[in-house]
């Protein structure tokens, strides 16, 4: 079977359309970054409320549940991240740990009410990092 250049061009165009549809189907639901941000924000605020061990466990379990629900909803598993996403993840982790340290410092200085600021910063950072990472993953599917 031989293909004409027009037929081959049409097939390539169809493949590009399929990639775009697949990328659109794998978009993370809007609520996932918001809930992840909420979980991280609560974790960063946790020094102000006491028992840190149960707060670690809560944050870990909540994050795993959110990721599992997203995976079940989209049917897509996370694949190996590229260098950009690994760098973004490392920066997010660094920022989150710094903000958690600020919360610990505020609590040690009896300024617990101010813990809300690093908690909001951590929530916003998590939300933004999740959105950017999702966008990059869908761009990679389209390429």
N, C-alpha and C. Protein backbone atom coordinates (compact mmCIF):
# COMPACT_ATOMS: atom_id res chain seq x y z
N UNK A 1 0.84 -1.17 0.00
CA UNK A 1 0.00 0.00 0.00
C UNK A 1 0.89 1.24 0.00
N UNK A 2 0.66 2.12 -0.92
CA UNK A 2 1.44 3.36 -1.01
C UNK A 2 0.53 4.53 -0.65
N UNK A 3 1.15 5.52 -0.09
CA UNK A 3 0.42 6.72 0.32
C UNK A 3 0.90 7.89 -0.50
N UNK A 4 -0.02 8.74 -0.85
CA UNK A 4 0.34 9.98 -1.52
C UNK A 4 0.81 10.98 -0.46
N UNK A 5 1.55 11.99 -0.87
CA UNK A 5 1.96 13.01 0.10
C UNK A 5 0.77 13.67 0.79
N UNK A 6 -0.33 13.87 0.05
CA UNK A 6 -1.52 14.47 0.67
C UNK A 6 -2.12 13.56 1.72
N UNK A 7 -2.14 12.26 1.44
CA UNK A 7 -2.69 11.30 2.40
C UNK A 7 -1.81 11.24 3.65
N UNK A 8 -0.50 11.25 3.45
CA UNK A 8 0.42 11.22 4.60
C UNK A 8 0.27 12.49 5.44
N UNK A 9 0.12 13.63 4.77
CA UNK A 9 -0.08 14.89 5.49
C UNK A 9 -1.37 14.85 6.29
N UNK A 10 -2.43 14.29 5.69
CA UNK A 10 -3.70 14.17 6.39
C UNK A 10 -3.58 13.26 7.61
N UNK A 11 -2.85 12.15 7.50
CA UNK A 11 -2.64 11.26 8.64
C UNK A 11 -1.86 11.94 9.76
N UNK A 12 -0.85 12.70 9.40
CA UNK A 12 -0.07 13.42 10.41
C UNK A 12 -0.93 14.48 11.12
N UNK A 13 -1.79 15.12 10.37
CA UNK A 13 -2.69 16.11 10.95
C UNK A 13 -3.66 15.43 11.94
N UNK A 14 -4.15 14.25 11.57
CA UNK A 14 -5.03 13.50 12.47
C UNK A 14 -4.30 13.10 13.76
N UNK A 15 -3.04 12.69 13.62
CA UNK A 15 -2.25 12.35 14.80
C UNK A 15 -2.06 13.55 15.72
N UNK A 16 -1.80 14.71 15.12
CA UNK A 16 -1.67 15.93 15.93
C UNK A 16 -2.98 16.25 16.65
N UNK A 17 -4.11 16.08 15.97
CA UNK A 17 -5.41 16.31 16.60
C UNK A 17 -5.64 15.34 17.76
N UNK A 18 -5.25 14.08 17.56
CA UNK A 18 -5.39 13.08 18.63
C UNK A 18 -4.53 13.44 19.84
N UNK A 19 -3.32 13.91 19.60
CA UNK A 19 -2.45 14.33 20.72
C UNK A 19 -3.07 15.49 21.48
N UNK A 20 -3.62 16.44 20.77
CA UNK A 20 -4.26 17.58 21.43
C UNK A 20 -5.46 17.14 22.26
N UNK A 21 -6.28 16.25 21.72
CA UNK A 21 -7.44 15.75 22.48
C UNK A 21 -6.98 14.97 23.71
N UNK A 22 -5.94 14.16 23.56
CA UNK A 22 -5.42 13.40 24.69
C UNK A 22 -4.89 14.34 25.77
N UNK A 23 -4.17 15.37 25.35
CA UNK A 23 -3.65 16.34 26.31
C UNK A 23 -4.79 17.04 27.05
N UNK A 24 -5.87 17.37 26.34
CA UNK A 24 -7.01 18.01 26.98
C UNK A 24 -7.70 17.07 27.97
N UNK A 25 -7.76 15.79 27.65
CA UNK A 25 -8.40 14.82 28.53
C UNK A 25 -7.60 14.57 29.81
N UNK A 26 -6.29 14.78 29.75
CA UNK A 26 -5.45 14.50 30.91
C UNK A 26 -5.26 15.71 31.82
N UNK A 27 -5.96 16.77 31.55
CA UNK A 27 -5.84 17.97 32.39
C UNK A 27 -6.26 17.64 33.82
N UNK A 28 -5.49 18.11 34.75
CA UNK A 28 -5.81 17.92 36.16
C UNK A 28 -7.07 18.71 36.49
N UNK A 29 -8.00 18.10 37.22
CA UNK A 29 -9.22 18.85 37.60
C UNK A 29 -8.86 20.12 38.36
N UNK A 30 -9.67 21.15 38.22
CA UNK A 30 -9.38 22.46 38.82
C UNK A 30 -9.21 22.37 40.32
N UNK A 31 -9.92 21.44 40.95
CA UNK A 31 -9.94 21.39 42.41
C UNK A 31 -8.69 20.72 43.00
N UNK A 32 -7.97 19.94 42.21
CA UNK A 32 -6.81 19.21 42.75
C UNK A 32 -5.70 20.16 43.24
N UNK A 33 -5.25 21.13 42.43
CA UNK A 33 -4.24 22.06 42.95
C UNK A 33 -4.74 22.87 44.15
N UNK A 34 -6.04 23.20 44.15
CA UNK A 34 -6.60 23.96 45.27
C UNK A 34 -6.56 23.14 46.56
N UNK A 35 -6.96 21.87 46.48
CA UNK A 35 -6.93 21.03 47.67
C UNK A 35 -5.50 20.72 48.11
N UNK A 36 -4.60 20.51 47.16
CA UNK A 36 -3.19 20.31 47.54
C UNK A 36 -2.65 21.55 48.23
N UNK A 37 -2.98 22.73 47.71
CA UNK A 37 -2.57 23.97 48.35
C UNK A 37 -3.13 24.08 49.76
N UNK A 38 -4.39 23.69 49.93
CA UNK A 38 -5.01 23.73 51.25
C UNK A 38 -4.29 22.79 52.22
N UNK A 39 -3.98 21.59 51.76
CA UNK A 39 -3.29 20.61 52.62
C UNK A 39 -1.92 21.14 53.03
N UNK A 40 -1.17 21.66 52.06
CA UNK A 40 0.18 22.17 52.37
C UNK A 40 0.08 23.39 53.28
N UNK A 41 -0.89 24.26 53.02
CA UNK A 41 -1.08 25.43 53.87
C UNK A 41 -1.41 25.04 55.31
N UNK A 42 -2.26 24.04 55.46
CA UNK A 42 -2.58 23.56 56.81
C UNK A 42 -1.36 22.94 57.48
N UNK A 43 -0.56 22.23 56.71
CA UNK A 43 0.65 21.64 57.28
C UNK A 43 1.62 22.72 57.74
N UNK A 44 1.79 23.76 56.93
CA UNK A 44 2.69 24.85 57.30
C UNK A 44 2.16 25.59 58.53
N UNK A 45 0.85 25.65 58.68
CA UNK A 45 0.26 26.31 59.86
C UNK A 45 0.24 25.40 61.09
N UNK A 46 0.52 24.14 60.92
CA UNK A 46 0.37 23.17 62.02
C UNK A 46 1.22 23.44 63.25
N UNK A 47 2.38 24.08 63.18
CA UNK A 47 3.10 24.34 64.43
C UNK A 47 2.30 25.18 65.42
N UNK A 48 1.35 25.94 64.93
CA UNK A 48 0.56 26.79 65.82
C UNK A 48 -0.49 26.01 66.60
N UNK A 49 -0.75 24.76 66.19
CA UNK A 49 -1.81 24.00 66.87
C UNK A 49 -1.32 22.80 67.65
N UNK A 50 -0.04 22.56 67.68
CA UNK A 50 0.46 21.51 68.58
C UNK A 50 1.01 20.28 67.90
N UNK A 51 0.39 19.14 68.14
CA UNK A 51 0.90 17.82 67.77
C UNK A 51 1.36 17.75 66.31
N UNK A 52 2.66 17.78 66.10
CA UNK A 52 3.21 17.80 64.75
C UNK A 52 3.17 16.44 64.07
N UNK A 53 3.29 15.36 64.82
CA UNK A 53 3.32 14.03 64.22
C UNK A 53 2.02 13.72 63.50
N UNK A 54 0.90 13.96 64.13
CA UNK A 54 -0.37 13.69 63.47
C UNK A 54 -0.59 14.64 62.29
N UNK A 55 -0.03 15.85 62.36
CA UNK A 55 -0.16 16.78 61.24
C UNK A 55 0.63 16.30 60.03
N UNK A 56 1.82 15.73 60.25
CA UNK A 56 2.59 15.16 59.15
C UNK A 56 1.81 14.04 58.49
N UNK A 57 1.26 13.16 59.32
CA UNK A 57 0.51 12.02 58.80
C UNK A 57 -0.71 12.50 58.03
N UNK A 58 -1.44 13.47 58.59
CA UNK A 58 -2.61 14.02 57.90
C UNK A 58 -2.23 14.58 56.53
N UNK A 59 -1.17 15.38 56.47
CA UNK A 59 -0.76 16.00 55.21
C UNK A 59 -0.37 14.93 54.19
N UNK A 60 0.37 13.94 54.61
CA UNK A 60 0.79 12.88 53.70
C UNK A 60 -0.40 12.08 53.18
N UNK A 61 -1.28 11.67 54.08
CA UNK A 61 -2.46 10.89 53.67
C UNK A 61 -3.36 11.72 52.76
N UNK A 62 -3.58 12.97 53.10
CA UNK A 62 -4.44 13.82 52.27
C UNK A 62 -3.87 14.00 50.88
N UNK A 63 -2.57 14.22 50.77
CA UNK A 63 -1.93 14.38 49.45
C UNK A 63 -2.05 13.10 48.64
N UNK A 64 -1.84 11.95 49.26
CA UNK A 64 -1.95 10.67 48.56
C UNK A 64 -3.38 10.45 48.08
N UNK A 65 -4.36 10.78 48.91
CA UNK A 65 -5.76 10.63 48.52
C UNK A 65 -6.09 11.53 47.33
N UNK A 66 -5.66 12.77 47.36
CA UNK A 66 -5.94 13.70 46.26
C UNK A 66 -5.33 13.19 44.96
N UNK A 67 -4.08 12.78 45.01
CA UNK A 67 -3.41 12.27 43.80
C UNK A 67 -4.10 11.00 43.31
N UNK A 68 -4.52 10.14 44.21
CA UNK A 68 -5.21 8.90 43.82
C UNK A 68 -6.56 9.20 43.15
N UNK A 69 -7.29 10.15 43.68
CA UNK A 69 -8.58 10.52 43.09
C UNK A 69 -8.36 11.11 41.70
N UNK A 70 -7.36 11.95 41.55
CA UNK A 70 -7.06 12.52 40.22
C UNK A 70 -6.69 11.41 39.25
N UNK A 71 -5.85 10.48 39.70
CA UNK A 71 -5.45 9.38 38.84
C UNK A 71 -6.65 8.54 38.43
N UNK A 72 -7.56 8.27 39.37
CA UNK A 72 -8.76 7.48 39.06
C UNK A 72 -9.67 8.24 38.10
N UNK A 73 -9.76 9.54 38.27
CA UNK A 73 -10.65 10.35 37.42
C UNK A 73 -10.13 10.47 36.00
N UNK A 74 -8.82 10.69 35.86
CA UNK A 74 -8.26 10.89 34.52
C UNK A 74 -7.79 9.59 33.88
N UNK A 75 -7.48 8.59 34.70
CA UNK A 75 -6.96 7.33 34.16
C UNK A 75 -5.51 7.43 33.74
N UNK A 76 -4.86 8.52 34.10
CA UNK A 76 -3.49 8.77 33.69
C UNK A 76 -2.57 8.69 34.91
N UNK A 77 -1.48 7.97 34.74
CA UNK A 77 -0.46 7.93 35.79
C UNK A 77 0.64 8.91 35.45
N UNK A 78 1.23 9.45 36.48
CA UNK A 78 2.34 10.37 36.26
C UNK A 78 3.51 9.61 35.66
N UNK A 79 4.08 10.17 34.62
CA UNK A 79 5.26 9.53 34.04
C UNK A 79 6.49 10.25 34.55
N UNK A 80 7.63 9.80 34.10
CA UNK A 80 8.87 10.42 34.54
C UNK A 80 8.85 11.91 34.18
N UNK A 81 9.15 12.72 35.14
CA UNK A 81 9.14 14.16 34.94
C UNK A 81 10.41 14.59 34.22
N UNK A 82 10.28 15.63 33.43
CA UNK A 82 11.44 16.19 32.76
C UNK A 82 12.24 17.07 33.71
N UNK A 83 13.33 17.59 33.21
CA UNK A 83 14.22 18.41 34.04
C UNK A 83 13.50 19.65 34.56
N UNK A 84 12.63 20.24 33.74
CA UNK A 84 11.90 21.43 34.20
C UNK A 84 11.01 21.11 35.39
N UNK A 85 10.30 19.99 35.31
CA UNK A 85 9.39 19.64 36.40
C UNK A 85 10.15 19.21 37.65
N UNK A 86 11.28 18.55 37.48
CA UNK A 86 12.09 18.19 38.64
C UNK A 86 12.61 19.46 39.32
N UNK A 87 13.06 20.42 38.53
CA UNK A 87 13.54 21.69 39.08
C UNK A 87 12.41 22.44 39.79
N UNK A 88 11.24 22.45 39.18
CA UNK A 88 10.09 23.10 39.80
C UNK A 88 9.73 22.42 41.12
N UNK A 89 9.75 21.10 41.13
CA UNK A 89 9.46 20.35 42.36
C UNK A 89 10.47 20.65 43.46
N UNK A 90 11.74 20.74 43.08
CA UNK A 90 12.79 21.04 44.07
C UNK A 90 12.61 22.46 44.63
N UNK A 91 12.28 23.41 43.75
CA UNK A 91 12.04 24.78 44.23
C UNK A 91 10.81 24.85 45.12
N UNK A 92 9.76 24.12 44.74
CA UNK A 92 8.55 24.08 45.57
C UNK A 92 8.87 23.51 46.95
N UNK A 93 9.60 22.40 46.98
CA UNK A 93 9.95 21.78 48.26
C UNK A 93 10.78 22.73 49.12
N UNK A 94 11.75 23.38 48.51
CA UNK A 94 12.58 24.33 49.25
C UNK A 94 11.73 25.47 49.82
N UNK A 95 10.86 26.04 48.99
CA UNK A 95 10.00 27.14 49.45
C UNK A 95 9.08 26.69 50.57
N UNK A 96 8.52 25.50 50.44
CA UNK A 96 7.61 24.98 51.46
C UNK A 96 8.33 24.75 52.79
N UNK A 97 9.52 24.19 52.72
CA UNK A 97 10.28 23.95 53.95
C UNK A 97 10.72 25.25 54.61
N UNK A 98 11.08 26.24 53.80
CA UNK A 98 11.43 27.55 54.36
C UNK A 98 10.21 28.16 55.05
N UNK A 99 9.05 28.08 54.41
CA UNK A 99 7.84 28.64 55.01
C UNK A 99 7.44 27.88 56.28
N UNK A 100 7.65 26.57 56.30
CA UNK A 100 7.38 25.80 57.51
C UNK A 100 8.34 26.23 58.63
N UNK A 101 9.59 26.46 58.26
CA UNK A 101 10.57 26.93 59.26
C UNK A 101 10.20 28.29 59.81
N UNK A 102 9.68 29.16 58.95
CA UNK A 102 9.21 30.47 59.42
C UNK A 102 8.06 30.28 60.41
N UNK A 103 7.16 29.34 60.12
CA UNK A 103 6.07 29.05 61.06
C UNK A 103 6.60 28.58 62.40
N UNK A 104 7.57 27.69 62.37
CA UNK A 104 8.17 27.21 63.62
C UNK A 104 8.80 28.37 64.39
N UNK A 105 9.49 29.25 63.67
CA UNK A 105 10.12 30.40 64.33
C UNK A 105 9.07 31.32 64.95
N UNK A 106 8.00 31.57 64.21
CA UNK A 106 6.94 32.43 64.74
C UNK A 106 6.32 31.85 66.01
N UNK A 107 6.09 30.54 66.01
CA UNK A 107 5.52 29.89 67.20
C UNK A 107 6.50 29.99 68.36
N UNK A 108 7.79 29.80 68.09
CA UNK A 108 8.77 29.87 69.18
C UNK A 108 8.89 31.28 69.75
N UNK A 109 8.53 32.28 68.97
CA UNK A 109 8.56 33.67 69.44
C UNK A 109 7.20 34.13 69.98
N UNK A 110 6.30 33.18 70.19
CA UNK A 110 4.95 33.48 70.68
C UNK A 110 4.20 34.44 69.75
N UNK A 111 4.37 34.25 68.47
CA UNK A 111 3.67 35.04 67.45
C UNK A 111 2.84 34.10 66.56
N UNK A 112 2.14 33.18 67.19
CA UNK A 112 1.39 32.14 66.47
C UNK A 112 0.36 32.71 65.50
N UNK A 113 -0.19 33.86 65.81
CA UNK A 113 -1.22 34.43 64.94
C UNK A 113 -0.65 34.75 63.55
N UNK A 114 0.63 35.01 63.47
CA UNK A 114 1.27 35.36 62.19
C UNK A 114 1.57 34.14 61.32
N UNK A 115 1.36 32.96 61.86
CA UNK A 115 1.60 31.73 61.09
C UNK A 115 0.70 31.66 59.86
N UNK A 116 -0.38 32.39 59.88
CA UNK A 116 -1.28 32.39 58.74
C UNK A 116 -0.58 32.91 57.47
N UNK A 117 0.37 33.81 57.61
CA UNK A 117 1.05 34.36 56.42
C UNK A 117 1.91 33.32 55.69
N UNK A 118 2.82 32.62 56.38
CA UNK A 118 3.55 31.58 55.65
C UNK A 118 2.64 30.45 55.17
N UNK A 119 1.56 30.17 55.90
CA UNK A 119 0.61 29.14 55.47
C UNK A 119 -0.06 29.53 54.15
N UNK A 120 -0.48 30.78 54.05
CA UNK A 120 -1.06 31.26 52.79
C UNK A 120 -0.04 31.25 51.66
N UNK A 121 1.19 31.62 52.00
CA UNK A 121 2.25 31.58 50.99
C UNK A 121 2.51 30.17 50.49
N UNK A 122 2.50 29.20 51.39
CA UNK A 122 2.72 27.80 51.00
C UNK A 122 1.55 27.29 50.16
N UNK A 123 0.35 27.65 50.54
CA UNK A 123 -0.82 27.23 49.76
C UNK A 123 -0.77 27.80 48.35
N UNK A 124 -0.45 29.08 48.23
CA UNK A 124 -0.38 29.72 46.91
C UNK A 124 0.77 29.14 46.08
N UNK A 125 1.89 28.89 46.71
CA UNK A 125 3.04 28.31 46.00
C UNK A 125 2.70 26.92 45.49
N UNK A 126 2.03 26.13 46.31
CA UNK A 126 1.64 24.77 45.91
C UNK A 126 0.65 24.81 44.76
N UNK A 127 -0.35 25.66 44.86
CA UNK A 127 -1.34 25.80 43.80
C UNK A 127 -0.67 26.18 42.48
N UNK A 128 0.20 27.18 42.54
CA UNK A 128 0.87 27.64 41.32
C UNK A 128 1.79 26.56 40.74
N UNK A 129 2.55 25.90 41.59
CA UNK A 129 3.46 24.86 41.11
C UNK A 129 2.69 23.70 40.47
N UNK A 130 1.57 23.32 41.05
CA UNK A 130 0.76 22.24 40.49
C UNK A 130 0.19 22.64 39.14
N UNK A 131 -0.28 23.87 39.02
CA UNK A 131 -0.84 24.35 37.74
C UNK A 131 0.23 24.40 36.65
N UNK A 132 1.40 24.92 36.99
CA UNK A 132 2.48 25.02 36.00
C UNK A 132 2.94 23.63 35.59
N UNK A 133 3.11 22.74 36.54
CA UNK A 133 3.53 21.37 36.24
C UNK A 133 2.53 20.67 35.34
N UNK A 134 1.26 20.86 35.61
CA UNK A 134 0.21 20.27 34.77
C UNK A 134 0.27 20.82 33.35
N UNK A 135 0.46 22.11 33.24
CA UNK A 135 0.55 22.73 31.91
C UNK A 135 1.75 22.19 31.14
N UNK A 136 2.89 22.06 31.81
CA UNK A 136 4.09 21.52 31.16
C UNK A 136 3.89 20.08 30.72
N UNK A 137 3.21 19.29 31.54
CA UNK A 137 2.96 17.89 31.19
C UNK A 137 2.07 17.79 29.95
N UNK A 138 1.05 18.64 29.87
CA UNK A 138 0.18 18.61 28.69
C UNK A 138 0.89 19.13 27.45
N UNK A 139 1.78 20.12 27.61
CA UNK A 139 2.58 20.59 26.48
C UNK A 139 3.47 19.48 25.94
N UNK A 140 4.02 18.67 26.85
CA UNK A 140 4.88 17.56 26.43
C UNK A 140 4.08 16.52 25.65
N UNK A 141 2.82 16.32 26.02
CA UNK A 141 1.97 15.40 25.26
C UNK A 141 1.69 15.90 23.85
N UNK A 142 1.56 17.20 23.73
CA UNK A 142 1.25 17.78 22.41
C UNK A 142 2.47 17.81 21.50
N UNK A 143 3.66 17.79 22.08
CA UNK A 143 4.88 17.89 21.27
C UNK A 143 5.24 16.59 20.58
